[in-house]
Amino acid sequence: MTEIDDIMAFEGGEMSEKDMIKMFQRMVNTGKVWKLQGSYGRQAQSLLEAGLIKYPTKQTHDYYGNPIPTRKQALKKLLK
């Protein structure tokens, strides 16, 4: 499935929870989730907070150029 196919399946309610989590993890890893409409970023943040997906290993940025924490940075902040 392409990214567009994934988004269409998600939007259409035709995606399993397992596939949705995989899709959001891929989009967080690439940073693309932060460049889509706001509901995608909010969903990703909810999944991150629930521990269902992880922060990216490499630095990414949101639509406005703000850095998104890496896994290492998020863990460091959590342990403070």
N, C-alpha and C. Protein backbone atom coordinates (compact mmCIF):
# COMPACT_ATOMS: atom_id res chain seq x y z
N MET A 1 0.83 -1.19 0.00
CA MET A 1 0.00 0.00 0.00
C MET A 1 0.87 1.25 0.00
N THR A 2 0.44 2.23 -0.75
CA THR A 2 1.16 3.50 -0.73
C THR A 2 0.66 4.34 0.44
N GLU A 3 1.35 5.41 0.70
CA GLU A 3 0.95 6.32 1.77
C GLU A 3 -0.45 6.87 1.53
N ILE A 4 -0.75 7.20 0.28
CA ILE A 4 -2.08 7.72 -0.06
C ILE A 4 -3.13 6.65 0.19
N ASP A 5 -2.84 5.41 -0.21
CA ASP A 5 -3.78 4.30 0.04
C ASP A 5 -4.03 4.14 1.53
N ASP A 6 -2.96 4.24 2.32
CA ASP A 6 -3.09 4.12 3.78
C ASP A 6 -4.00 5.22 4.32
N ILE A 7 -3.77 6.44 3.89
CA ILE A 7 -4.57 7.57 4.37
C ILE A 7 -6.03 7.40 3.97
N MET A 8 -6.26 6.97 2.74
CA MET A 8 -7.64 6.76 2.28
C MET A 8 -8.33 5.66 3.08
N ALA A 9 -7.61 4.57 3.37
CA ALA A 9 -8.18 3.49 4.17
C ALA A 9 -8.46 3.97 5.59
N PHE A 10 -7.57 4.75 6.15
CA PHE A 10 -7.76 5.29 7.49
C PHE A 10 -8.97 6.21 7.52
N GLU A 11 -9.02 7.14 6.57
CA GLU A 11 -10.13 8.09 6.49
C GLU A 11 -11.47 7.39 6.28
N GLY A 12 -11.44 6.29 5.52
CA GLY A 12 -12.66 5.55 5.22
C GLY A 12 -13.05 4.55 6.30
N GLY A 13 -12.26 4.46 7.37
CA GLY A 13 -12.57 3.53 8.44
C GLY A 13 -12.34 2.08 8.05
N GLU A 14 -11.49 1.85 7.04
CA GLU A 14 -11.24 0.50 6.52
C GLU A 14 -9.90 -0.06 6.97
N MET A 15 -9.34 0.50 8.03
CA MET A 15 -8.00 0.09 8.47
C MET A 15 -8.10 -0.51 9.86
N SER A 16 -7.41 -1.63 10.05
CA SER A 16 -7.40 -2.24 11.38
C SER A 16 -6.58 -1.36 12.33
N GLU A 17 -6.78 -1.55 13.62
CA GLU A 17 -6.03 -0.78 14.61
C GLU A 17 -4.53 -1.04 14.47
N LYS A 18 -4.18 -2.30 14.23
CA LYS A 18 -2.77 -2.67 14.06
C LYS A 18 -2.15 -1.93 12.87
N ASP A 19 -2.87 -1.88 11.75
CA ASP A 19 -2.36 -1.19 10.57
C ASP A 19 -2.32 0.31 10.78
N MET A 20 -3.28 0.85 11.53
CA MET A 20 -3.29 2.28 11.82
C MET A 20 -2.07 2.66 12.66
N ILE A 21 -1.75 1.85 13.65
CA ILE A 21 -0.59 2.12 14.49
C ILE A 21 0.69 2.06 13.65
N LYS A 22 0.80 1.07 12.77
CA LYS A 22 1.97 0.97 11.89
C LYS A 22 2.08 2.20 10.98
N MET A 23 0.94 2.64 10.43
CA MET A 23 0.94 3.80 9.55
C MET A 23 1.41 5.04 10.29
N PHE A 24 0.88 5.26 11.50
CA PHE A 24 1.29 6.44 12.25
C PHE A 24 2.76 6.37 12.66
N GLN A 25 3.26 5.18 12.99
CA GLN A 25 4.67 5.06 13.33
C GLN A 25 5.53 5.43 12.13
N ARG A 26 5.17 4.95 10.95
CA ARG A 26 5.92 5.31 9.73
C ARG A 26 5.90 6.81 9.49
N MET A 27 4.72 7.43 9.66
CA MET A 27 4.61 8.87 9.40
C MET A 27 5.33 9.69 10.46
N VAL A 28 5.37 9.21 11.70
CA VAL A 28 6.15 9.91 12.74
C VAL A 28 7.64 9.77 12.42
N ASN A 29 8.06 8.60 12.01
CA ASN A 29 9.48 8.38 11.68
C ASN A 29 9.96 9.30 10.58
N THR A 30 9.11 9.54 9.58
CA THR A 30 9.50 10.41 8.46
C THR A 30 9.21 11.88 8.71
N GLY A 31 8.37 12.15 9.70
CA GLY A 31 7.97 13.52 9.99
C GLY A 31 6.77 13.98 9.19
N LYS A 32 6.27 13.15 8.30
CA LYS A 32 5.15 13.55 7.44
C LYS A 32 3.87 13.80 8.21
N VAL A 33 3.69 13.12 9.32
CA VAL A 33 2.46 13.27 10.08
C VAL A 33 2.28 14.71 10.56
N TRP A 34 3.37 15.41 10.81
CA TRP A 34 3.30 16.78 11.32
C TRP A 34 3.02 17.79 10.22
N LYS A 35 3.02 17.35 8.98
CA LYS A 35 2.78 18.25 7.86
C LYS A 35 1.37 18.07 7.27
N LEU A 36 0.62 17.10 7.79
CA LEU A 36 -0.75 16.87 7.36
C LEU A 36 -1.70 17.73 8.19
N GLN A 37 -3.00 17.61 7.91
CA GLN A 37 -3.97 18.37 8.69
C GLN A 37 -3.82 18.04 10.18
N GLY A 38 -4.25 18.95 11.01
CA GLY A 38 -4.01 18.87 12.44
C GLY A 38 -4.48 17.61 13.12
N SER A 39 -5.56 17.00 12.63
CA SER A 39 -6.08 15.80 13.30
C SER A 39 -5.07 14.66 13.26
N TYR A 40 -4.23 14.62 12.24
CA TYR A 40 -3.21 13.57 12.16
C TYR A 40 -2.14 13.78 13.22
N GLY A 41 -1.72 15.00 13.39
CA GLY A 41 -0.73 15.30 14.43
C GLY A 41 -1.27 15.03 15.82
N ARG A 42 -2.53 15.39 16.04
CA ARG A 42 -3.14 15.13 17.35
C ARG A 42 -3.28 13.63 17.60
N GLN A 43 -3.65 12.88 16.56
CA GLN A 43 -3.75 11.43 16.71
C GLN A 43 -2.38 10.84 17.02
N ALA A 44 -1.36 11.30 16.30
CA ALA A 44 0.00 10.81 16.54
C ALA A 44 0.44 11.12 17.96
N GLN A 45 0.15 12.33 18.43
CA GLN A 45 0.53 12.71 19.79
C GLN A 45 -0.18 11.83 20.82
N SER A 46 -1.45 11.52 20.58
CA SER A 46 -2.20 10.63 21.48
C SER A 46 -1.57 9.24 21.51
N LEU A 47 -1.18 8.74 20.34
CA LEU A 47 -0.55 7.42 20.28
C LEU A 47 0.81 7.42 20.97
N LEU A 48 1.56 8.52 20.83
CA LEU A 48 2.85 8.66 21.51
C LEU A 48 2.64 8.64 23.03
N GLU A 49 1.69 9.43 23.50
CA GLU A 49 1.43 9.52 24.94
C GLU A 49 0.94 8.20 25.51
N ALA A 50 0.22 7.42 24.69
CA ALA A 50 -0.29 6.12 25.13
C ALA A 50 0.78 5.03 25.06
N GLY A 51 1.92 5.35 24.46
CA GLY A 51 3.00 4.38 24.33
C GLY A 51 2.79 3.37 23.21
N LEU A 52 1.86 3.66 22.30
CA LEU A 52 1.58 2.73 21.20
C LEU A 52 2.53 2.92 20.03
N ILE A 53 3.10 4.12 19.92
CA ILE A 53 4.15 4.38 18.94
C ILE A 53 5.28 5.11 19.66
N LYS A 54 6.41 5.23 18.99
CA LYS A 54 7.59 5.86 19.58
C LYS A 54 7.99 7.10 18.79
N TYR A 55 8.69 7.99 19.47
CA TYR A 55 9.24 9.16 18.78
C TYR A 55 10.26 8.68 17.75
N PRO A 56 10.53 9.50 16.74
CA PRO A 56 11.49 9.09 15.70
C PRO A 56 12.92 9.00 16.24
N THR A 57 13.74 8.22 15.56
CA THR A 57 15.15 8.12 15.96
C THR A 57 15.96 9.28 15.40
N LYS A 58 15.49 9.86 14.31
CA LYS A 58 16.18 11.01 13.69
C LYS A 58 15.33 12.26 13.85
N GLN A 59 15.99 13.39 13.90
CA GLN A 59 15.29 14.68 14.06
C GLN A 59 14.37 14.96 12.88
N THR A 60 13.12 15.30 13.18
CA THR A 60 12.17 15.74 12.17
C THR A 60 11.60 17.07 12.63
N HIS A 61 10.84 17.71 11.76
CA HIS A 61 10.27 19.03 12.07
C HIS A 61 8.80 19.08 11.68
N ASP A 62 8.06 19.92 12.39
CA ASP A 62 6.66 20.09 12.05
C ASP A 62 6.52 21.04 10.86
N TYR A 63 5.29 21.33 10.50
CA TYR A 63 4.98 22.19 9.36
C TYR A 63 5.67 23.55 9.46
N TYR A 64 5.81 24.06 10.68
CA TYR A 64 6.38 25.38 10.89
C TYR A 64 7.90 25.37 11.10
N GLY A 65 8.50 24.18 11.03
CA GLY A 65 9.94 24.07 11.19
C GLY A 65 10.40 23.81 12.62
N ASN A 66 9.45 23.64 13.53
CA ASN A 66 9.81 23.36 14.92
C ASN A 66 10.29 21.91 15.04
N PRO A 67 11.36 21.67 15.80
CA PRO A 67 11.87 20.30 15.92
C PRO A 67 10.94 19.40 16.73
N ILE A 68 10.82 18.18 16.29
CA ILE A 68 10.08 17.14 17.01
C ILE A 68 11.13 16.34 17.78
N PRO A 69 10.90 16.08 19.06
CA PRO A 69 11.91 15.35 19.83
C PRO A 69 12.21 13.97 19.25
N THR A 70 13.46 13.57 19.35
CA THR A 70 13.83 12.21 18.99
C THR A 70 13.51 11.31 20.17
N ARG A 71 13.62 10.00 19.99
CA ARG A 71 13.38 9.07 21.10
C ARG A 71 14.31 9.38 22.26
N LYS A 72 15.56 9.62 21.91
CA LYS A 72 16.57 9.89 22.95
C LYS A 72 16.22 11.17 23.72
N GLN A 73 15.83 12.22 23.01
CA GLN A 73 15.48 13.48 23.66
C GLN A 73 14.22 13.32 24.53
N ALA A 74 13.23 12.59 24.02
CA ALA A 74 11.99 12.38 24.77
C ALA A 74 12.26 11.59 26.05
N LEU A 75 13.09 10.57 25.95
CA LEU A 75 13.42 9.76 27.12
C LEU A 75 14.19 10.58 28.15
N LYS A 76 15.12 11.40 27.68
CA LYS A 76 15.91 12.26 28.57
C LYS A 76 14.98 13.21 29.34
N LYS A 77 14.02 13.79 28.63
CA LYS A 77 13.07 14.72 29.27
C LYS A 77 12.20 13.98 30.27
N LEU A 78 11.80 12.77 29.94
CA LEU A 78 10.94 11.97 30.81
C LEU A 78 11.66 11.60 32.11
N LEU A 79 12.96 11.36 32.02
CA LEU A 79 13.73 10.93 33.18
C LEU A 79 14.19 12.06 34.08
N LYS A 80 13.95 13.29 33.68
CA LYS A 80 14.36 14.44 34.49
C LYS A 80 13.57 14.52 35.76
